[in-house]
Amino acid sequence: MLGENSLDLNQTAYLCGGPRRAALTAILSLHQAGALSISAARHRVKTLPGDPASELERTVLATIPEVGQLLGELIEAVAQSPAMNELRTSLAERGLLHRWQFLGQTARGRRLCRHLREVPPPGLEKVAVRGAAAISDAELRRVFTTPDPVAVPMPAAHRTYGANRTDESALQVTSLWAGGS
């Protein structure tokens, strides 16, 4: 909770930065709780045993396939989820966002965000208010502030090895082993 405003972490993130900020904050929260691993080199997010604290965190865990998912893709998927729509609706019901999405924050919502930015709370709440640039861990901040690496396809000759190779030298060796000339 954040003071007298009683917004939870995800509501604060959505109000101050929108759906992608809320998704980022939910992912970071799960990472801090040990329910996610994030590969710094590949930006791949994988689930670990853990309990989600909110509906948005449950959505994050449910979105990640068993093989993992790129961080940018995960943020986009969670930002467009029904749980995010419910989060937005809760803020509109509190009078912090307009009912029509294109109008954004109400005057009350803008005042609250301005106040939170002037005196940001510590830790993960600071990330909810200010975004990925406020992540204290330098390597994790780099992962969240740089684009996902692009997978470079390898040429076919480098993808297969040994008896599975299809070039002529492999066929000759195989035919010699099979009793050919």
Protein backbone atom coordinates (compact mmCIF):
# COMPACT_ATOMS: atom_id res chain seq x y z
CA MET A 1 0.00 0.00 0.00
CA LEU A 2 1.14 3.51 -0.67
CA GLY A 3 0.14 5.85 2.12
CA GLU A 4 -3.34 7.29 2.46
CA ASN A 5 -4.05 6.66 -1.22
CA SER A 6 -4.13 2.89 -0.59
CA LEU A 7 -3.11 1.99 -4.12
CA ASP A 8 -1.40 -1.35 -4.52
CA LEU A 9 1.85 -1.65 -6.43
CA ASN A 10 0.22 -2.57 -9.76
CA GLN A 11 -2.35 0.25 -9.53
CA THR A 12 0.43 2.75 -8.82
CA ALA A 13 2.45 1.48 -11.78
CA TYR A 14 -0.54 1.67 -14.13
CA LEU A 15 -1.54 5.13 -12.94
CA CYS A 16 1.98 6.57 -13.29
CA GLY A 17 3.12 4.71 -16.40
CA GLY A 18 0.35 2.75 -18.06
CA PRO A 19 -0.08 -0.96 -18.82
CA ARG A 20 3.53 -1.69 -19.79
CA ARG A 21 4.79 -0.16 -16.53
CA ALA A 22 2.31 -2.27 -14.57
CA ALA A 23 3.47 -5.40 -16.43
CA LEU A 24 7.12 -4.51 -15.79
CA THR A 25 6.42 -3.98 -12.08
CA ALA A 26 4.56 -7.30 -11.76
CA ILE A 27 7.46 -9.11 -13.47
CA LEU A 28 10.00 -7.44 -11.17
CA SER A 29 7.91 -8.27 -8.12
CA LEU A 30 7.83 -11.94 -9.11
CA HIS A 31 11.58 -11.85 -9.83
CA GLN A 32 12.29 -10.41 -6.37
CA ALA A 33 10.05 -13.07 -4.81
CA GLY A 34 12.05 -15.79 -6.60
CA ALA A 35 9.16 -16.91 -8.81
CA LEU A 36 10.90 -15.86 -12.07
CA SER A 37 14.40 -16.04 -13.47
CA ILE A 38 15.52 -13.51 -16.06
CA SER A 39 18.53 -14.26 -18.25
CA ALA A 40 20.62 -11.09 -18.60
CA ALA A 41 22.23 -12.22 -21.85
CA ARG A 42 19.15 -13.46 -23.68
CA HIS A 43 16.37 -11.53 -21.86
CA ARG A 44 14.56 -14.85 -21.44
CA VAL A 45 12.10 -15.12 -18.57
CA LYS A 46 11.34 -18.52 -17.01
CA THR A 47 9.05 -19.46 -14.16
CA LEU A 48 10.21 -20.93 -10.87
CA PRO A 49 8.08 -22.23 -8.00
CA GLY A 50 6.42 -19.32 -6.22
CA ASP A 51 3.14 -17.74 -5.21
CA PRO A 52 1.79 -14.72 -7.06
CA ALA A 53 0.52 -11.88 -4.87
CA SER A 54 -2.00 -10.43 -7.33
CA GLU A 55 -4.16 -11.26 -10.33
CA LEU A 56 -1.67 -9.49 -12.60
CA GLU A 57 1.18 -11.63 -11.25
CA ARG A 58 -0.91 -14.77 -11.86
CA THR A 59 -1.37 -13.56 -15.43
CA VAL A 60 2.39 -13.11 -15.82
CA LEU A 61 3.06 -16.68 -14.66
CA ALA A 62 0.25 -18.10 -16.82
CA THR A 63 1.55 -16.28 -19.91
CA ILE A 64 5.07 -17.75 -19.81
CA PRO A 65 5.41 -21.07 -21.69
CA GLU A 66 7.50 -23.87 -20.22
CA VAL A 67 10.49 -22.98 -22.44
CA GLY A 68 10.39 -19.35 -21.31
CA GLN A 69 9.64 -16.14 -23.15
CA LEU A 70 11.49 -13.02 -24.23
CA LEU A 71 11.02 -10.16 -21.79
CA GLY A 72 9.66 -7.70 -24.36
CA GLU A 73 7.10 -10.21 -25.65
CA LEU A 74 6.02 -10.98 -22.10
CA ILE A 75 5.52 -7.32 -21.23
CA GLU A 76 3.42 -6.79 -24.37
CA ALA A 77 1.29 -9.90 -23.73
CA VAL A 78 0.60 -8.95 -20.10
CA ALA A 79 -0.09 -5.31 -21.05
CA GLN A 80 -2.87 -6.52 -23.38
CA SER A 81 -4.37 -9.08 -20.98
CA PRO A 82 -7.85 -9.08 -19.42
CA ALA A 83 -6.20 -8.69 -15.99
CA MET A 84 -4.75 -5.37 -17.17
CA ASN A 85 -8.21 -4.24 -18.29
CA GLU A 86 -9.52 -5.08 -14.81
CA LEU A 87 -6.69 -3.07 -13.25
CA ARG A 88 -7.55 -0.08 -15.43
CA THR A 89 -11.24 -0.40 -14.53
CA SER A 90 -10.38 -0.38 -10.81
CA LEU A 91 -8.53 2.92 -11.26
CA ALA A 92 -11.41 4.41 -13.25
CA GLU A 93 -13.84 3.39 -10.50
CA ARG A 94 -11.66 5.24 -8.00
CA GLY A 95 -11.79 8.39 -10.11
CA LEU A 96 -8.09 8.31 -11.06
CA LEU A 97 -8.54 7.46 -14.75
CA HIS A 98 -11.27 8.50 -17.16
CA ARG A 99 -13.61 5.75 -18.26
CA TRP A 100 -12.59 6.36 -21.86
CA GLN A 101 -9.03 5.16 -22.22
CA PHE A 102 -7.92 7.81 -24.69
CA LEU A 103 -8.57 10.57 -22.09
CA GLY A 104 -6.05 9.15 -19.59
CA GLN A 105 -5.80 10.38 -16.02
CA THR A 106 -8.32 12.56 -14.24
CA ALA A 107 -7.14 15.72 -12.44
CA ARG A 108 -7.07 13.72 -9.22
CA GLY A 109 -4.96 11.00 -10.86
CA ARG A 110 -2.51 13.59 -12.23
CA ARG A 111 -2.13 15.20 -8.78
CA LEU A 112 -1.47 11.84 -7.18
CA CYS A 113 1.17 10.90 -9.80
CA ARG A 114 2.84 14.30 -9.44
CA HIS A 115 3.00 13.82 -5.66
CA LEU A 116 4.45 10.31 -6.01
CA ARG A 117 7.10 11.52 -8.47
CA GLU A 118 8.16 14.37 -6.17
CA VAL A 119 8.61 12.08 -3.16
CA PRO A 120 8.99 8.58 -4.62
CA PRO A 121 8.68 5.68 -2.21
CA PRO A 122 11.67 3.32 -1.88
CA GLY A 123 12.31 0.00 -3.63
CA LEU A 124 9.88 -1.53 -6.07
CA GLU A 125 7.37 1.26 -5.45
CA LYS A 126 9.94 3.69 -6.89
CA VAL A 127 10.07 1.57 -10.06
CA ALA A 128 6.25 1.64 -10.21
CA VAL A 129 6.35 5.45 -10.11
CA ARG A 130 9.44 6.19 -12.21
CA GLY A 131 9.85 3.15 -14.47
CA ALA A 132 12.70 0.81 -15.37
CA ALA A 133 15.33 3.55 -15.01
CA ALA A 134 14.68 3.42 -11.24
CA ILE A 135 15.72 -0.24 -10.89
CA SER A 136 18.59 -0.25 -8.38
CA ASP A 137 20.38 -3.37 -9.72
CA ALA A 138 22.47 -2.11 -12.68
CA GLU A 139 22.42 -5.38 -14.64
CA LEU A 140 18.69 -5.89 -14.18
CA ARG A 141 18.10 -2.24 -15.14
CA ARG A 142 20.09 -2.84 -18.35
CA VAL A 143 17.94 -5.88 -19.17
CA PHE A 144 14.73 -3.90 -18.74
CA THR A 145 15.94 -0.79 -20.59
CA THR A 146 17.52 -2.40 -23.66
CA PRO A 147 15.72 -4.18 -26.49
CA ASP A 148 15.59 -7.96 -26.53
CA PRO A 149 18.44 -9.51 -28.53
CA VAL A 150 17.52 -10.66 -32.00
CA ALA A 151 17.99 -14.35 -32.71
CA VAL A 152 20.38 -14.81 -35.61
CA PRO A 153 19.60 -17.90 -37.71
CA MET A 154 22.59 -20.14 -38.27
CA PRO A 155 23.44 -21.47 -41.72
CA ALA A 156 22.26 -25.03 -42.30
CA ALA A 157 25.82 -26.39 -42.37
CA HIS A 158 26.35 -25.27 -38.76
CA ARG A 159 23.06 -26.65 -37.42
CA THR A 160 23.71 -30.32 -38.11
CA TYR A 161 26.54 -32.48 -36.92
CA GLY A 162 27.97 -35.99 -37.40
CA ALA A 163 25.86 -38.58 -39.19
CA ASN A 164 23.03 -36.06 -39.57
CA ARG A 165 25.10 -33.83 -41.86
CA THR A 166 23.94 -33.64 -45.43
CA ASP A 167 27.02 -32.37 -47.23
CA GLU A 168 28.97 -34.69 -49.58
CA SER A 169 31.88 -35.41 -47.20
CA ALA A 170 29.51 -36.78 -44.57
CA LEU A 171 27.76 -38.94 -47.19
CA GLN A 172 31.09 -40.36 -48.35
CA VAL A 173 32.17 -41.23 -44.80
CA THR A 174 28.81 -42.83 -44.10
CA SER A 175 28.91 -44.90 -47.29
CA LEU A 176 32.44 -46.14 -46.43
CA TRP A 177 31.24 -47.27 -43.00
CA ALA A 178 28.31 -49.03 -44.61
CA GLY A 179 30.62 -51.10 -46.78
CA GLY A 180 30.56 -48.92 -49.87
CA SER A 181 33.58 -47.99 -51.96
